[in-house]
Amino acid sequence: MSARIRKLIGGIGLMAFLAAYVWAATAISDRLPDNMALKLVFFAVAGVGWGVPILPLLSWMNRGK
């Protein structure tokens, strides 16, 4: 598979993952108690946590020629 096709597929997958991740994070935040400190910690972890599952996809996208 060429690098161009791999990056196209990866980009589409990345956008789909991020859309689902944002939806899930906001759905979870709606169920949290109305505590500002708890929501701050949740969004700090959720804001950084999206990068970990994407690392294998980015590695696959940049593999090859």
PDB file of N, CA and C in Angstrom:
ATOM      1  N   MET A   1       0.858  -1.169   0.000  1.00  0.00           N
ATOM      2  CA  MET A   1       0.000   0.000   0.000  1.00  0.00           C
ATOM      3  C   MET A   1       0.909   1.239   0.000  1.00  0.00           C
ATOM      4  N   SER A   2       0.572   2.188  -0.820  1.00  0.00           N
ATOM      5  CA  SER A   2       1.412   3.379  -0.924  1.00  0.00           C
ATOM      6  C   SER A   2       1.237   4.270   0.312  1.00  0.00           C
ATOM      7  N   ALA A   3       2.221   5.110   0.530  1.00  0.00           N
ATOM      8  CA  ALA A   3       2.192   6.004   1.685  1.00  0.00           C
ATOM      9  C   ALA A   3       1.029   6.985   1.577  1.00  0.00           C
ATOM     10  N   ARG A   4       0.713   7.415   0.404  1.00  0.00           N
ATOM     11  CA  ARG A   4      -0.378   8.378   0.210  1.00  0.00           C
ATOM     12  C   ARG A   4      -1.727   7.773   0.613  1.00  0.00           C
ATOM     13  N   ILE A   5      -1.988   6.541   0.195  1.00  0.00           N
ATOM     14  CA  ILE A   5      -3.248   5.862   0.544  1.00  0.00           C
ATOM     15  C   ILE A   5      -3.292   5.582   2.041  1.00  0.00           C
ATOM     16  N   ARG A   6      -2.147   5.149   2.601  1.00  0.00           N
ATOM     17  CA  ARG A   6      -2.089   4.858   4.030  1.00  0.00           C
ATOM     18  C   ARG A   6      -2.392   6.119   4.847  1.00  0.00           C
ATOM     19  N   LYS A   7      -1.876   7.262   4.427  1.00  0.00           N
ATOM     20  CA  LYS A   7      -2.132   8.510   5.146  1.00  0.00           C
ATOM     21  C   LYS A   7      -3.575   8.979   4.961  1.00  0.00           C
ATOM     22  N   LEU A   8      -4.158   8.734   3.813  1.00  0.00           N
ATOM     23  CA  LEU A   8      -5.564   9.076   3.598  1.00  0.00           C
ATOM     24  C   LEU A   8      -6.460   8.250   4.511  1.00  0.00           C
ATOM     25  N   ILE A   9      -6.232   6.948   4.549  1.00  0.00           N
ATOM     26  CA  ILE A   9      -7.024   6.061   5.410  1.00  0.00           C
ATOM     27  C   ILE A   9      -6.809   6.429   6.873  1.00  0.00           C
ATOM     28  N   GLY A  10      -5.558   6.674   7.237  1.00  0.00           N
ATOM     29  CA  GLY A  10      -5.249   7.049   8.616  1.00  0.00           C
ATOM     30  C   GLY A  10      -5.885   8.373   9.008  1.00  0.00           C
ATOM     31  N   GLY A  11      -5.896   9.336   8.101  1.00  0.00           N
ATOM     32  CA  GLY A  11      -6.519  10.626   8.393  1.00  0.00           C
ATOM     33  C   GLY A  11      -8.011  10.505   8.610  1.00  0.00           C
ATOM     34  N   ILE A  12      -8.655   9.699   7.796  1.00  0.00           N
ATOM     35  CA  ILE A  12     -10.094   9.471   7.971  1.00  0.00           C
ATOM     36  C   ILE A  12     -10.357   8.736   9.284  1.00  0.00           C
ATOM     37  N   GLY A  13      -9.537   7.742   9.580  1.00  0.00           N
ATOM     38  CA  GLY A  13      -9.676   7.020  10.844  1.00  0.00           C
ATOM     39  C   GLY A  13      -9.414   7.910  12.043  1.00  0.00           C
ATOM     40  N   LEU A  14      -8.444   8.796  11.924  1.00  0.00           N
ATOM     41  CA  LEU A  14      -8.128   9.731  12.992  1.00  0.00           C
ATOM     42  C   LEU A  14      -9.300  10.670  13.271  1.00  0.00           C
ATOM     43  N   MET A  15      -9.911  11.196  12.226  1.00  0.00           N
ATOM     44  CA  MET A  15     -11.052  12.097  12.399  1.00  0.00           C
ATOM     45  C   MET A  15     -12.248  11.365  13.009  1.00  0.00           C
ATOM     46  N   ALA A  16     -12.478  10.129  12.574  1.00  0.00           N
ATOM     47  CA  ALA A  16     -13.587   9.348  13.135  1.00  0.00           C
ATOM     48  C   ALA A  16     -13.339   9.041  14.616  1.00  0.00           C
ATOM     49  N   PHE A  17     -12.097   8.675  14.946  1.00  0.00           N
ATOM     50  CA  PHE A  17     -11.763   8.393  16.339  1.00  0.00           C
ATOM     51  C   PHE A  17     -11.942   9.631  17.205  1.00  0.00           C
ATOM     52  N   LEU A  18     -11.456  10.772  16.728  1.00  0.00           N
ATOM     53  CA  LEU A  18     -11.565  11.994  17.518  1.00  0.00           C
ATOM     54  C   LEU A  18     -13.024  12.417  17.713  1.00  0.00           C
ATOM     55  N   ALA A  19     -13.847  12.250  16.689  1.00  0.00           N
ATOM     56  CA  ALA A  19     -15.265  12.582  16.832  1.00  0.00           C
ATOM     57  C   ALA A  19     -15.913  11.697  17.892  1.00  0.00           C
ATOM     58  N   ALA A  20     -15.626  10.406  17.860  1.00  0.00           N
ATOM     59  CA  ALA A  20     -16.189   9.489  18.859  1.00  0.00           C
ATOM     60  C   ALA A  20     -15.634   9.789  20.247  1.00  0.00           C
ATOM     61  N   TYR A  21     -14.365  10.142  20.333  1.00  0.00           N
ATOM     62  CA  TYR A  21     -13.737  10.442  21.623  1.00  0.00           C
ATOM     63  C   TYR A  21     -14.343  11.691  22.254  1.00  0.00           C
ATOM     64  N   VAL A  22     -14.535  12.719  21.445  1.00  0.00           N
ATOM     65  CA  VAL A  22     -15.142  13.953  21.957  1.00  0.00           C
ATOM     66  C   VAL A  22     -16.573  13.692  22.407  1.00  0.00           C
ATOM     67  N   TRP A  23     -17.316  12.921  21.620  1.00  0.00           N
ATOM     68  CA  TRP A  23     -18.686  12.591  22.005  1.00  0.00           C
ATOM     69  C   TRP A  23     -18.697  11.835  23.331  1.00  0.00           C
ATOM     70  N   ALA A  24     -17.817  10.849  23.480  1.00  0.00           N
ATOM     71  CA  ALA A  24     -17.775  10.061  24.708  1.00  0.00           C
ATOM     72  C   ALA A  24     -17.358  10.920  25.902  1.00  0.00           C
ATOM     73  N   ALA A  25     -16.379  11.784  25.714  1.00  0.00           N
ATOM     74  CA  ALA A  25     -15.915  12.630  26.820  1.00  0.00           C
ATOM     75  C   ALA A  25     -17.015  13.580  27.278  1.00  0.00           C
ATOM     76  N   THR A  26     -17.738  14.158  26.353  1.00  0.00           N
ATOM     77  CA  THR A  26     -18.815  15.073  26.762  1.00  0.00           C
ATOM     78  C   THR A  26     -19.984  14.309  27.384  1.00  0.00           C
ATOM     79  N   ALA A  27     -20.250  13.107  26.892  1.00  0.00           N
ATOM     80  CA  ALA A  27     -21.324  12.303  27.485  1.00  0.00           C
ATOM     81  C   ALA A  27     -20.969  11.903  28.915  1.00  0.00           C
ATOM     82  N   ILE A  28     -19.711  11.565  29.141  1.00  0.00           N
ATOM     83  CA  ILE A  28     -19.283  11.213  30.500  1.00  0.00           C
ATOM     84  C   ILE A  28     -19.311  12.439  31.399  1.00  0.00           C
ATOM     85  N   SER A  29     -18.886  13.583  30.869  1.00  0.00           N
ATOM     86  CA  SER A  29     -18.847  14.789  31.704  1.00  0.00           C
ATOM     87  C   SER A  29     -20.242  15.233  32.126  1.00  0.00           C
ATOM     88  N   ASP A  30     -21.238  14.948  31.320  1.00  0.00           N
ATOM     89  CA  ASP A  30     -22.614  15.282  31.704  1.00  0.00           C
ATOM     90  C   ASP A  30     -23.081  14.484  32.909  1.00  0.00           C
ATOM     91  N   ARG A  31     -22.508  13.325  33.127  1.00  0.00           N
ATOM     92  CA  ARG A  31     -22.913  12.460  34.229  1.00  0.00           C
ATOM     93  C   ARG A  31     -22.106  12.692  35.504  1.00  0.00           C
ATOM     94  N   LEU A  32     -21.072  13.533  35.427  1.00  0.00           N
ATOM     95  CA  LEU A  32     -20.263  13.817  36.609  1.00  0.00           C
ATOM     96  C   LEU A  32     -21.025  14.744  37.551  1.00  0.00           C
ATOM     97  N   PRO A  33     -20.740  14.649  38.849  1.00  0.00           N
ATOM     98  CA  PRO A  33     -21.360  15.587  39.793  1.00  0.00           C
ATOM     99  C   PRO A  33     -20.935  17.023  39.473  1.00  0.00           C
ATOM    100  N   ASP A  34     -21.712  17.971  39.928  1.00  0.00           N
ATOM    101  CA  ASP A  34     -21.452  19.375  39.632  1.00  0.00           C
ATOM    102  C   ASP A  34     -20.366  19.915  40.571  1.00  0.00           C
ATOM    103  N   ASN A  35     -19.161  19.401  40.373  1.00  0.00           N
ATOM    104  CA  ASN A  35     -17.999  19.797  41.169  1.00  0.00           C
ATOM    105  C   ASN A  35     -16.942  20.300  40.191  1.00  0.00           C
ATOM    106  N   MET A  36     -16.584  21.573  40.321  1.00  0.00           N
ATOM    107  CA  MET A  36     -15.671  22.187  39.364  1.00  0.00           C
ATOM    108  C   MET A  36     -14.290  21.520  39.376  1.00  0.00           C
ATOM    109  N   ALA A  37     -13.787  21.152  40.545  1.00  0.00           N
ATOM    110  CA  ALA A  37     -12.467  20.520  40.635  1.00  0.00           C
ATOM    111  C   ALA A  37     -12.466  19.154  39.943  1.00  0.00           C
ATOM    112  N   LEU A  38     -13.533  18.394  40.136  1.00  0.00           N
ATOM    113  CA  LEU A  38     -13.635  17.084  39.504  1.00  0.00           C
ATOM    114  C   LEU A  38     -13.693  17.218  37.984  1.00  0.00           C
ATOM    115  N   LYS A  39     -14.459  18.169  37.489  1.00  0.00           N
ATOM    116  CA  LYS A  39     -14.551  18.376  36.040  1.00  0.00           C
ATOM    117  C   LYS A  39     -13.225  18.882  35.480  1.00  0.00           C
ATOM    118  N   LEU A  40     -12.502  19.694  36.227  1.00  0.00           N
ATOM    119  CA  LEU A  40     -11.195  20.170  35.789  1.00  0.00           C
ATOM    120  C   LEU A  40     -10.232  19.006  35.621  1.00  0.00           C
ATOM    121  N   VAL A  41     -10.202  18.118  36.591  1.00  0.00           N
ATOM    122  CA  VAL A  41      -9.328  16.946  36.508  1.00  0.00           C
ATOM    123  C   VAL A  41      -9.763  16.031  35.366  1.00  0.00           C
ATOM    124  N   PHE A  42     -11.067  15.825  35.227  1.00  0.00           N
ATOM    125  CA  PHE A  42     -11.566  14.961  34.157  1.00  0.00           C
ATOM    126  C   PHE A  42     -11.167  15.491  32.787  1.00  0.00           C
ATOM    127  N   PHE A  43     -11.396  16.782  32.547  1.00  0.00           N
ATOM    128  CA  PHE A  43     -11.079  17.329  31.233  1.00  0.00           C
ATOM    129  C   PHE A  43      -9.574  17.430  31.004  1.00  0.00           C
ATOM    130  N   ALA A  44      -8.785  17.591  32.046  1.00  0.00           N
ATOM    131  CA  ALA A  44      -7.329  17.580  31.890  1.00  0.00           C
ATOM    132  C   ALA A  44      -6.861  16.195  31.455  1.00  0.00           C
ATOM    133  N   VAL A  45      -7.394  15.158  32.090  1.00  0.00           N
ATOM    134  CA  VAL A  45      -7.018  13.783  31.724  1.00  0.00           C
ATOM    135  C   VAL A  45      -7.568  13.429  30.347  1.00  0.00           C
ATOM    136  N   ALA A  46      -8.806  13.793  30.077  1.00  0.00           N
ATOM    137  CA  ALA A  46      -9.403  13.491  28.772  1.00  0.00           C
ATOM    138  C   ALA A  46      -8.721  14.270  27.658  1.00  0.00           C
ATOM    139  N   GLY A  47      -8.274  15.482  27.946  1.00  0.00           N
ATOM    140  CA  GLY A  47      -7.612  16.293  26.940  1.00  0.00           C
ATOM    141  C   GLY A  47      -6.254  15.758  26.540  1.00  0.00           C
ATOM    142  N   VAL A  48      -5.580  15.105  27.447  1.00  0.00           N
ATOM    143  CA  VAL A  48      -4.271  14.526  27.152  1.00  0.00           C
ATOM    144  C   VAL A  48      -4.409  13.056  26.731  1.00  0.00           C
ATOM    145  N   GLY A  49      -5.437  12.400  27.241  1.00  0.00           N
ATOM    146  CA  GLY A  49      -5.588  10.956  27.039  1.00  0.00           C
ATOM    147  C   GLY A  49      -5.893  10.516  25.622  1.00  0.00           C
ATOM    148  N   TRP A  50      -6.345  11.404  24.756  1.00  0.00           N
ATOM    149  CA  TRP A  50      -6.674  10.997  23.392  1.00  0.00           C
ATOM    150  C   TRP A  50      -5.434  10.624  22.596  1.00  0.00           C
ATOM    151  N   GLY A  51      -4.289  11.116  22.988  1.00  0.00           N
ATOM    152  CA  GLY A  51      -3.077  10.865  22.217  1.00  0.00           C
ATOM    153  C   GLY A  51      -2.555   9.444  22.322  1.00  0.00           C
ATOM    154  N   VAL A  52      -2.772   8.798  23.438  1.00  0.00           N
ATOM    155  CA  VAL A  52      -2.231   7.453  23.641  1.00  0.00           C
ATOM    156  C   VAL A  52      -2.824   6.429  22.672  1.00  0.00           C
ATOM    157  N   PRO A  53      -4.152   6.372  22.487  1.00  0.00           N
ATOM    158  CA  PRO A  53      -4.687   5.377  21.552  1.00  0.00           C
ATOM    159  C   PRO A  53      -4.352   5.667  20.086  1.00  0.00           C
ATOM    160  N   ILE A  54      -3.958   6.892  19.778  1.00  0.00           N
ATOM    161  CA  ILE A  54      -3.684   7.249  18.387  1.00  0.00           C
ATOM    162  C   ILE A  54      -2.259   6.886  17.967  1.00  0.00           C
ATOM    163  N   LEU A  55      -1.377   6.650  18.905  1.00  0.00           N
ATOM    164  CA  LEU A  55       0.025   6.363  18.578  1.00  0.00           C
ATOM    165  C   LEU A  55       0.199   5.186  17.608  1.00  0.00           C
ATOM    166  N   PRO A  56      -0.497   4.053  17.783  1.00  0.00           N
ATOM    167  CA  PRO A  56      -0.340   2.980  16.797  1.00  0.00           C
ATOM    168  C   PRO A  56      -0.806   3.375  15.397  1.00  0.00           C
ATOM    169  N   LEU A  57      -1.865   4.167  15.301  1.00  0.00           N
ATOM    170  CA  LEU A  57      -2.338   4.624  14.008  1.00  0.00           C
ATOM    171  C   LEU A  57      -1.314   5.533  13.340  1.00  0.00           C
ATOM    172  N   LEU A  58      -0.743   6.445  14.107  1.00  0.00           N
ATOM    173  CA  LEU A  58       0.280   7.328  13.545  1.00  0.00           C
ATOM    174  C   LEU A  58       1.516   6.540  13.122  1.00  0.00           C
ATOM    175  N   SER A  59       1.878   5.545  13.899  1.00  0.00           N
ATOM    176  CA  SER A  59       3.005   4.700  13.532  1.00  0.00           C
ATOM    177  C   SER A  59       2.733   3.952  12.245  1.00  0.00           C
ATOM    178  N   TRP A  60       1.525   3.436  12.078  1.00  0.00           N
ATOM    179  CA  TRP A  60       1.163   2.729  10.857  1.00  0.00           C
ATOM    180  C   TRP A  60       1.144   3.674   9.659  1.00  0.00           C
ATOM    181  N   MET A  61       0.647   4.885   9.864  1.00  0.00           N
ATOM    182  CA  MET A  61       0.572   5.850   8.767  1.00  0.00           C
ATOM    183  C   MET A  61       1.972   6.226   8.246  1.00  0.00           C
ATOM    184  N   ASN A  62       2.953   6.282   9.134  1.00  0.00           N
ATOM    185  CA  ASN A  62       4.296   6.721   8.743  1.00  0.00           C
ATOM    186  C   ASN A  62       5.243   5.575   8.413  1.00  0.00           C
ATOM    187  N   ARG A  63       4.733   4.371   8.376  1.00  0.00           N
ATOM    188  CA  ARG A  63       5.553   3.205   8.057  1.00  0.00           C
ATOM    189  C   ARG A  63       5.763   3.107   6.545  1.00  0.00           C
ATOM    190  N   GLY A  64       6.841   2.508   6.176  1.00  0.00           N
ATOM    191  CA  GLY A  64       7.068   2.269   4.750  1.00  0.00           C
ATOM    192  C   GLY A  64       7.935   3.321   4.106  1.00  0.00           C
ATOM    193  N   LYS A  65       7.739   3.471   2.813  1.00  0.00           N
ATOM    194  CA  LYS A  65       8.593   4.377   2.021  1.00  0.00           C
ATOM    195  C   LYS A  65       8.251   5.812   2.240  1.00  0.00           C
TER     196      LYS A  65
END
